[in-house]
Amino acid sequence: MSGVSLQCGDCGALLKSVEEAQQHAELTSHSNFSESTEPVLNLVCSSCGKPCRSKTESDLHTKRTGHTEFSDKTSESVKPINLESPSSTTPTPMDVDSQEMVVPEVDKALLQELQGMGFSTARATRALHCSGSSSLEGAVNWIVEHENDADIDQMPMVPASSKNDPPKPSLTEEEKKMKLLELRERARKKKEEEEKRAEREKEKERIRIGKELLEAKRIEEDNERKRLIAFRKAEKEEEKKALEKIRKKLEEDKAERRRKLGLPPEDPAAAKPSEPVVEEKKSILPVKPITKAEQMRECLRSLKKNHKDEDARVKKAFQTLFTYAGNVVKNPDEEKFRKIRLTNQAFQDRVGGLKGGIEFLELCGFEKSEDGEFLFMPREKVDTAVLNSAGKELQSAIENPHFGVL
């Protein structure tokens, strides 16, 4: 059974004759055609004038634009066709004309106006031809509707026999100007909407990039904080090891000094030397200065421990005691250097107010007066050896930063 139309197997277009199939093949290079029982219709959209050749095309047009009203201008009778081309022995005038393709004639004034709006010549010509060249608005609507077509910027071609004179414009000059302004305003608004949409997309991208940068910065700060904690922990470990090394060195030095002095090793459990040992040392005359020195050293250690949070005041007290002892050694006959008023405010601030300061002066040979107002050293009790020992212990306490720590 012969069909009533031809259908392109590559794009699905319906063609009503072999001639149309040949023209379609020349324009698109499609060659896969088959007979179809679906008739070629001529449905024209009542809103925009777009022609549709099948019910499928009209449904697609309705889906894209929302236009639902179509005028059926299909010819009353459609003759069945077959794929056999007409005999080439007796060519007709139509066969000759179909081989010559020309650019369709369109309204020159409308073409110039479309070109003035920024459309290319090919696009404007195709829009005027496909929309029927009836109005500027119809041409613009056609361009908006078909702006994604692959061949929209290709110059349309029609058989030379179908070239018709362009219809006269149906609008007056004033109406054309008003319509042109309206179309330009619509195009401007559409461009503004596209720019706003692009700006929103840029803002979204900027926000996304900002979030990614903030997250990367937070991760970097966390890593830096972890590295700093690990570094401080390592520093503390190193400091702890250094202090332990210093402590061991001080203990070794202390043990070495005791060994050189002929003293027994210090018992860690004992806070002070036992009384019999002290009495035994006092009973031996050559060891007396050494015993005094030990007592002075312990007195200075006690003073520093009692005031461990007042390093500056303790150091000033050591320097003041050193000055007292040095003045007596240098000027033993001068009574003013051997006499100290206990109520003197400067003395109280520097030495008297610290626990152990007056005790150290008493070990040097100073004695309290009967009225308790002075510390006084009699001339006959000035012992240069004891005072020199006191000076050495004070100098060691001042210069050794770890004195009294252990």
Protein backbone atom coordinates (compact mmCIF):
# COMPACT_ATOMS: atom_id res chain seq x y z
CA MET A 1 0.00 0.00 0.00
CA SER A 2 1.41 3.37 -1.01
CA GLY A 3 1.85 6.05 1.65
CA VAL A 4 0.58 9.60 1.63
CA SER A 5 3.91 11.19 2.68
CA LEU A 6 7.65 10.64 2.93
CA GLN A 7 9.46 10.71 6.27
CA CYS A 8 13.18 11.47 6.75
CA GLY A 9 14.70 8.71 8.86
CA ASP A 10 17.50 11.05 10.06
CA CYS A 11 15.48 13.99 11.41
CA GLY A 12 11.82 12.76 11.25
CA ALA A 13 10.62 15.53 8.90
CA LEU A 14 7.45 14.76 6.82
CA LEU A 15 7.63 15.58 3.12
CA LYS A 16 4.64 15.59 0.75
CA SER A 17 6.45 14.83 -2.53
CA VAL A 18 9.57 13.33 -4.02
CA GLU A 19 10.65 16.81 -5.11
CA GLU A 20 10.54 18.04 -1.49
CA ALA A 21 12.51 14.97 -0.43
CA GLN A 22 15.18 15.78 -3.04
CA GLN A 23 15.37 19.41 -1.85
CA HIS A 24 15.58 18.25 1.76
CA ALA A 25 18.41 15.86 0.88
CA GLU A 26 20.36 18.62 -0.91
CA LEU A 27 20.03 21.02 2.05
CA THR A 28 20.69 18.54 4.88
CA SER A 29 22.62 15.69 3.20
CA HIS A 30 20.03 13.28 4.65
CA SER A 31 19.36 10.23 2.46
CA ASN A 32 17.26 7.86 4.61
CA PHE A 33 13.62 8.26 3.45
CA SER A 34 10.64 5.95 3.80
CA GLU A 35 6.92 6.00 2.99
CA SER A 36 4.60 7.07 5.80
CA THR A 37 0.83 6.86 6.27
CA GLU A 38 0.86 10.08 8.28
CA PRO A 39 -0.41 12.91 6.08
CA VAL A 40 1.48 16.16 5.66
CA LEU A 41 -0.66 18.80 7.30
CA ASN A 42 -0.63 22.55 6.99
CA LEU A 43 -1.43 23.75 10.53
CA VAL A 44 -0.79 27.46 11.07
CA CYS A 45 -0.49 28.88 14.59
CA SER A 46 -3.13 31.56 15.10
CA SER A 47 -0.90 33.45 17.59
CA CYS A 48 2.47 33.68 15.78
CA GLY A 49 1.75 32.26 12.30
CA LYS A 50 4.24 29.35 12.55
CA PRO A 51 3.38 26.56 10.08
CA CYS A 52 3.42 22.97 11.34
CA ARG A 53 3.50 20.01 8.94
CA SER A 54 2.26 17.36 11.42
CA LYS A 55 0.41 16.90 14.68
CA THR A 56 3.75 16.12 16.34
CA GLU A 57 5.18 19.50 15.30
CA SER A 58 2.08 21.35 16.50
CA ASP A 59 2.25 19.57 19.89
CA LEU A 60 5.93 20.46 20.22
CA HIS A 61 5.19 24.09 19.32
CA THR A 62 2.43 24.20 21.96
CA LYS A 63 4.81 22.78 24.55
CA ARG A 64 7.47 25.41 23.76
CA THR A 65 5.26 28.52 23.43
CA GLY A 66 1.92 27.71 25.06
CA HIS A 67 0.08 28.51 21.78
CA THR A 68 -2.85 26.13 21.35
CA GLU A 69 -4.90 27.61 18.49
CA PHE A 70 -4.04 26.36 14.97
CA SER A 71 -5.77 26.89 11.57
CA ASP A 72 -5.97 23.76 9.40
CA LYS A 73 -5.10 24.76 5.81
CA THR A 74 -4.33 21.30 4.57
CA SER A 75 -5.43 20.67 0.97
CA GLU A 76 -8.63 18.68 0.71
CA SER A 77 -7.14 15.71 -1.17
CA VAL A 78 -3.71 14.19 -0.77
CA LYS A 79 -2.69 11.74 -3.44
CA PRO A 80 -0.71 8.63 -2.46
CA ILE A 81 2.95 8.79 -3.47
CA ASN A 82 5.74 6.29 -3.86
CA LEU A 83 9.49 6.46 -3.73
CA GLU A 84 9.91 6.17 -7.48
CA SER A 85 11.11 9.46 -8.94
CA PRO A 86 9.42 10.78 -12.12
CA SER A 87 10.78 9.60 -15.44
CA SER A 88 13.78 11.64 -16.51
CA THR A 89 12.97 11.20 -20.20
CA THR A 90 10.21 13.82 -20.15
CA PRO A 91 11.30 16.55 -17.77
CA THR A 92 8.70 19.11 -16.79
CA PRO A 93 9.30 22.81 -16.15
CA MET A 94 8.93 22.16 -12.39
CA ASP A 95 11.76 19.59 -12.53
CA VAL A 96 14.06 22.16 -14.12
CA ASP A 97 13.12 24.93 -11.72
CA SER A 98 13.56 22.70 -8.66
CA GLN A 99 17.26 22.39 -9.39
CA GLU A 100 17.77 26.20 -9.09
CA MET A 101 17.69 27.53 -5.50
CA VAL A 102 17.60 31.26 -4.75
CA VAL A 103 17.35 33.51 -1.69
CA PRO A 104 13.68 34.29 -0.98
CA GLU A 105 12.42 37.83 -1.41
CA VAL A 106 11.55 39.56 1.90
CA ASP A 107 10.44 43.03 2.99
CA LYS A 108 13.54 45.22 2.67
CA ALA A 109 12.34 47.74 5.26
CA LEU A 110 11.71 45.05 7.85
CA LEU A 111 15.06 43.45 6.98
CA GLN A 112 16.88 46.75 7.60
CA GLU A 113 15.08 47.24 10.90
CA LEU A 114 16.07 43.75 12.08
CA GLN A 115 19.65 44.40 11.03
CA GLY A 116 19.56 47.66 12.97
CA MET A 117 18.51 45.69 16.07
CA GLY A 118 21.73 43.65 15.80
CA PHE A 119 20.54 40.52 13.96
CA SER A 120 22.64 39.10 11.12
CA THR A 121 21.38 39.29 7.53
CA ALA A 122 20.95 35.50 7.30
CA ARG A 123 19.03 35.30 10.59
CA ALA A 124 16.81 38.28 9.73
CA THR A 125 16.08 36.90 6.23
CA ARG A 126 15.23 33.43 7.58
CA ALA A 127 12.96 34.97 10.26
CA LEU A 128 11.05 37.12 7.74
CA HIS A 129 10.72 34.23 5.29
CA CYS A 130 9.60 31.61 7.83
CA SER A 131 7.22 33.98 9.62
CA GLY A 132 5.65 35.07 6.33
CA SER A 133 7.18 38.59 6.37
CA SER A 134 3.92 39.83 7.84
CA SER A 135 5.25 41.97 10.68
CA LEU A 136 8.39 42.89 12.62
CA GLU A 137 6.97 41.42 15.83
CA GLY A 138 6.27 38.07 14.15
CA ALA A 139 9.86 37.94 12.85
CA VAL A 140 11.31 38.73 16.29
CA ASN A 141 9.05 36.13 17.93
CA TRP A 142 10.26 33.57 15.39
CA ILE A 143 13.90 34.40 16.20
CA VAL A 144 13.28 34.04 19.95
CA GLU A 145 11.52 30.72 19.41
CA HIS A 146 14.16 29.28 17.03
CA GLU A 147 17.34 30.87 18.46
CA ASN A 148 18.73 27.40 19.32
CA ASP A 149 18.20 25.98 15.80
CA ALA A 150 21.43 24.77 14.21
CA ASP A 151 20.72 26.46 10.84
CA ILE A 152 19.34 29.77 12.17
CA ASP A 153 22.35 31.71 10.85
CA GLN A 154 22.33 30.01 7.42
CA MET A 155 20.82 31.93 4.51
CA PRO A 156 17.51 30.25 3.50
CA MET A 157 17.18 28.95 -0.07
CA VAL A 158 13.98 28.30 -2.02
CA PRO A 159 13.27 27.11 -5.56
CA ALA A 160 13.36 29.92 -8.10
CA SER A 161 9.75 29.17 -9.15
CA SER A 162 8.48 29.80 -5.63
CA LYS A 163 9.98 33.33 -5.42
CA ASN A 164 7.17 35.74 -4.75
CA ASP A 165 6.99 39.46 -4.50
CA PRO A 166 7.26 40.62 -0.90
CA PRO A 167 3.99 41.73 0.63
CA LYS A 168 3.46 45.32 1.40
CA PRO A 169 3.83 46.35 5.05
CA SER A 170 0.51 46.39 6.81
CA LEU A 171 1.65 48.98 9.42
CA THR A 172 1.90 52.73 9.05
CA GLU A 173 5.20 54.53 9.70
CA GLU A 174 4.03 55.70 13.14
CA GLU A 175 2.91 52.18 14.05
CA LYS A 176 6.21 50.76 12.85
CA LYS A 177 8.14 53.23 15.06
CA MET A 178 6.01 52.36 18.10
CA LYS A 179 6.38 48.65 17.41
CA LEU A 180 10.12 49.03 16.96
CA LEU A 181 10.43 50.85 20.31
CA GLU A 182 8.39 48.14 21.97
CA LEU A 183 10.54 45.39 20.49
CA ARG A 184 13.74 47.17 21.49
CA GLU A 185 12.42 47.56 25.04
CA ARG A 186 11.58 43.86 25.19
CA ALA A 187 15.05 42.99 23.87
CA ARG A 188 16.63 45.32 26.47
CA LYS A 189 14.66 43.74 29.30
CA LYS A 190 15.59 40.27 28.09
CA LYS A 191 19.26 41.28 28.01
CA GLU A 192 19.00 42.74 31.53
CA GLU A 193 17.43 39.51 32.79
CA GLU A 194 20.22 37.49 31.23
CA GLU A 195 22.83 39.79 32.82
CA LYS A 196 21.14 39.49 36.21
CA ARG A 197 21.01 35.73 35.88
CA ALA A 198 24.73 35.67 34.98
CA GLU A 199 25.47 37.97 37.95
CA ARG A 200 23.58 35.63 40.29
CA GLU A 201 25.58 32.70 38.98
CA LYS A 202 28.81 34.66 39.53
CA GLU A 203 27.72 35.53 43.09
CA LYS A 204 26.95 31.88 43.83
CA GLU A 205 30.35 30.90 42.49
CA ARG A 206 32.02 33.63 44.55
CA ILE A 207 30.27 32.45 47.71
CA ARG A 208 31.26 28.85 47.00
CA ILE A 209 34.89 29.82 46.46
CA GLY A 210 34.81 31.95 49.64
CA LYS A 211 33.52 29.01 51.67
CA GLU A 212 36.21 26.76 50.26
CA LEU A 213 38.90 29.33 51.12
CA LEU A 214 37.57 29.72 54.68
CA GLU A 215 37.53 25.96 55.13
CA ALA A 216 41.08 25.68 53.81
CA LYS A 217 42.18 28.48 56.15
CA ARG A 218 40.53 26.78 59.13
CA ILE A 219 42.26 23.49 58.34
CA GLU A 220 45.60 25.28 57.98
CA GLU A 221 45.10 27.05 61.35
CA ASP A 222 44.22 23.74 63.01
CA ASN A 223 47.36 22.15 61.59
CA GLU A 224 49.46 25.14 62.70
CA ARG A 225 47.96 24.92 66.20
CA LYS A 226 48.79 21.22 66.39
CA ARG A 227 52.35 21.88 65.23
CA LEU A 228 52.74 24.63 67.87
CA ILE A 229 51.44 22.35 70.64
CA ALA A 230 53.84 19.59 69.59
CA PHE A 231 56.71 22.11 69.45
CA ARG A 232 55.97 23.45 72.95
CA LYS A 233 55.69 19.93 74.31
CA ALA A 234 59.09 19.10 72.85
CA GLU A 235 60.49 22.34 74.32
CA LYS A 236 59.21 21.43 77.78
CA GLU A 237 60.72 17.97 77.50
CA GLU A 238 64.07 19.50 76.52
CA GLU A 239 63.87 22.01 79.36
CA LYS A 240 63.01 19.25 81.83
CA LYS A 241 65.99 17.21 80.67
CA ALA A 242 68.28 20.27 80.93
CA LEU A 243 67.10 21.03 84.49
CA GLU A 244 67.60 17.41 85.47
CA LYS A 245 71.10 17.52 84.03
CA ILE A 246 71.86 20.74 85.98
CA ARG A 247 70.46 19.22 89.17
CA LYS A 248 72.63 16.14 88.81
CA LYS A 249 75.66 18.32 88.07
CA LEU A 250 75.01 20.41 91.22
CA GLU A 251 74.64 17.29 93.30
CA GLU A 252 77.90 15.94 91.91
CA ASP A 253 79.66 19.26 92.60
CA LYS A 254 78.26 19.33 96.12
CA ALA A 255 79.37 15.77 96.77
CA GLU A 256 82.82 16.59 95.37
CA ARG A 257 83.16 19.63 97.64
CA ARG A 258 82.16 17.58 100.68
CA ARG A 259 84.67 14.93 99.69
CA LYS A 260 87.46 17.52 99.37
CA LEU A 261 86.51 19.00 102.76
CA GLY A 262 86.67 15.59 104.36
CA LEU A 263 82.93 15.53 105.10
CA PRO A 264 80.87 12.37 104.86
CA PRO A 265 78.38 12.05 101.97
CA GLU A 266 75.15 13.95 102.59
CA ASP A 267 72.23 11.83 103.69
CA PRO A 268 69.15 12.88 101.64
CA ALA A 269 66.81 11.86 104.46
CA ALA A 270 68.51 14.14 106.96
CA ALA A 271 67.47 17.80 106.91
CA LYS A 272 70.43 18.98 109.00
CA PRO A 273 73.70 17.47 110.19
CA SER A 274 73.40 15.61 113.45
CA GLU A 275 74.37 17.47 116.62
CA PRO A 276 77.27 15.21 117.61
CA VAL A 277 78.96 15.85 114.27
CA VAL A 278 78.63 19.61 114.76
CA GLU A 279 80.04 19.37 118.24
CA GLU A 280 82.89 17.22 116.98
CA LYS A 281 83.72 19.84 114.30
CA LYS A 282 83.60 22.65 116.85
CA SER A 283 85.99 20.75 119.05
CA ILE A 284 88.63 20.72 116.32
CA LEU A 285 90.16 24.18 115.92
CA PRO A 286 91.44 23.92 112.31
CA VAL A 287 87.93 23.10 111.02
CA LYS A 288 86.18 26.02 112.74
CA PRO A 289 86.15 28.39 109.71
CA ILE A 290 84.80 25.59 107.53
CA THR A 291 82.02 24.91 110.00
CA LYS A 292 81.12 28.59 110.04
CA ALA A 293 81.12 28.62 106.28
CA GLU A 294 78.73 25.66 106.19
CA GLN A 295 76.44 27.37 108.68
CA MET A 296 76.52 30.59 106.64
CA ARG A 297 75.75 28.69 103.43
CA GLU A 298 72.79 26.95 105.04
CA CYS A 299 71.60 30.29 106.43
CA LEU A 300 71.71 31.89 102.97
CA ARG A 301 69.89 28.90 101.41
CA SER A 302 67.21 29.13 104.07
CA LEU A 303 66.84 32.88 103.39
CA LYS A 304 66.37 32.30 99.66
CA LYS A 305 63.91 29.42 100.17
CA ASN A 306 61.87 31.47 102.67
CA HIS A 307 61.56 34.22 100.03
CA LYS A 308 61.64 32.19 96.77
CA ASP A 309 59.12 34.47 95.06
CA GLU A 310 61.18 37.64 95.77
CA ASP A 311 64.35 37.08 93.74
CA ALA A 312 65.18 40.78 93.37
CA ARG A 313 64.81 41.44 97.11
CA VAL A 314 66.89 38.38 98.02
CA LYS A 315 69.66 39.44 95.64
CA LYS A 316 69.69 42.97 97.14
CA ALA A 317 69.90 41.43 100.63
CA PHE A 318 72.93 39.31 99.60
CA GLN A 319 74.65 42.39 98.15
CA THR A 320 73.96 44.42 101.33
CA LEU A 321 75.37 41.66 103.57
CA PHE A 322 78.42 41.45 101.30
CA THR A 323 78.92 45.22 101.77
CA TYR A 324 78.62 44.97 105.60
CA ALA A 325 81.23 42.19 105.76
CA GLY A 326 83.58 43.92 103.32
CA ASN A 327 83.46 47.25 105.22
CA VAL A 328 84.42 45.57 108.50
CA VAL A 329 87.32 43.68 106.84
CA LYS A 330 88.61 46.86 105.20
CA ASN A 331 88.07 49.14 108.22
CA PRO A 332 88.15 47.00 111.40
CA ASP A 333 88.94 50.00 113.61
CA GLU A 334 86.01 52.10 112.39
CA GLU A 335 83.10 51.64 114.81
CA LYS A 336 80.52 52.97 112.34
CA PHE A 337 81.09 49.89 110.15
CA ARG A 338 80.73 47.55 113.14
CA LYS A 339 77.47 49.05 114.39
CA ILE A 340 74.04 48.69 112.73
CA ARG A 341 70.79 50.29 113.98
CA LEU A 342 68.05 47.63 113.84
CA THR A 343 65.27 50.22 113.55
CA ASN A 344 66.81 51.82 110.47
CA GLN A 345 64.20 51.65 107.69
CA ALA A 346 66.76 50.99 104.93
CA PHE A 347 68.23 48.10 106.94
CA GLN A 348 64.77 46.66 107.56
CA ASP A 349 63.86 46.86 103.88
CA ARG A 350 67.06 45.23 102.69
CA VAL A 351 68.05 42.74 105.41
CA GLY A 352 66.16 42.98 108.68
CA GLY A 353 62.76 42.26 107.15
CA LEU A 354 63.96 38.97 105.60
CA LYS A 355 64.01 35.81 107.69
CA GLY A 356 67.68 34.76 108.05
CA GLY A 357 69.31 38.15 107.42
CA ILE A 358 70.08 39.02 111.08
CA GLU A 359 71.10 35.37 111.75
CA PHE A 360 73.74 35.60 109.00
CA LEU A 361 75.19 38.80 110.58
CA GLU A 362 75.35 37.05 113.94
CA LEU A 363 77.33 34.22 112.32
CA CYS A 364 79.75 36.88 111.02
CA GLY A 365 80.34 38.10 114.63
CA PHE A 366 77.68 40.79 115.17
CA GLU A 367 75.85 40.74 118.53
CA LYS A 368 72.65 42.37 119.66
CA SER A 369 72.99 45.15 122.25
CA GLU A 370 71.30 44.80 125.65
CA ASP A 371 68.58 47.25 124.70
CA GLY A 372 68.03 45.38 121.42
CA GLU A 373 68.46 48.54 119.34
CA PHE A 374 71.77 47.76 117.64
CA LEU A 375 73.85 44.98 116.12
CA PHE A 376 77.42 45.53 117.26
CA MET A 377 80.72 43.72 116.63
CA PRO A 378 83.42 44.42 119.34
CA ARG A 379 86.85 45.19 117.94
CA GLU A 380 88.43 42.22 119.69
CA LYS A 381 85.92 39.83 118.09
CA VAL A 382 86.64 40.87 114.52
CA ASP A 383 87.63 37.56 112.82
CA THR A 384 88.97 38.28 109.34
CA ALA A 385 88.90 34.59 108.35
CA VAL A 386 85.22 34.29 109.23
CA LEU A 387 84.37 37.51 107.38
CA ASN A 388 86.32 36.37 104.29
CA SER A 389 84.43 33.07 104.35
CA ALA A 390 81.19 35.03 104.61
CA GLY A 391 82.24 37.12 101.58
CA LYS A 392 82.98 34.00 99.53
CA GLU A 393 79.62 32.40 100.40
CA LEU A 394 77.77 35.62 99.56
CA GLN A 395 79.62 36.01 96.24
CA SER A 396 78.79 32.39 95.33
CA ALA A 397 75.13 32.95 96.21
CA ILE A 398 74.99 36.12 94.08
CA GLU A 399 76.71 34.68 91.00
CA ASN A 400 75.14 31.16 91.02
CA PRO A 401 71.63 31.38 89.52
CA HIS A 402 70.78 27.93 90.90
CA PHE A 403 71.85 28.69 94.46
CA GLY A 404 69.25 27.49 96.95
CA VAL A 405 67.09 25.83 94.25
CA LEU A 406 67.75 22.26 95.40
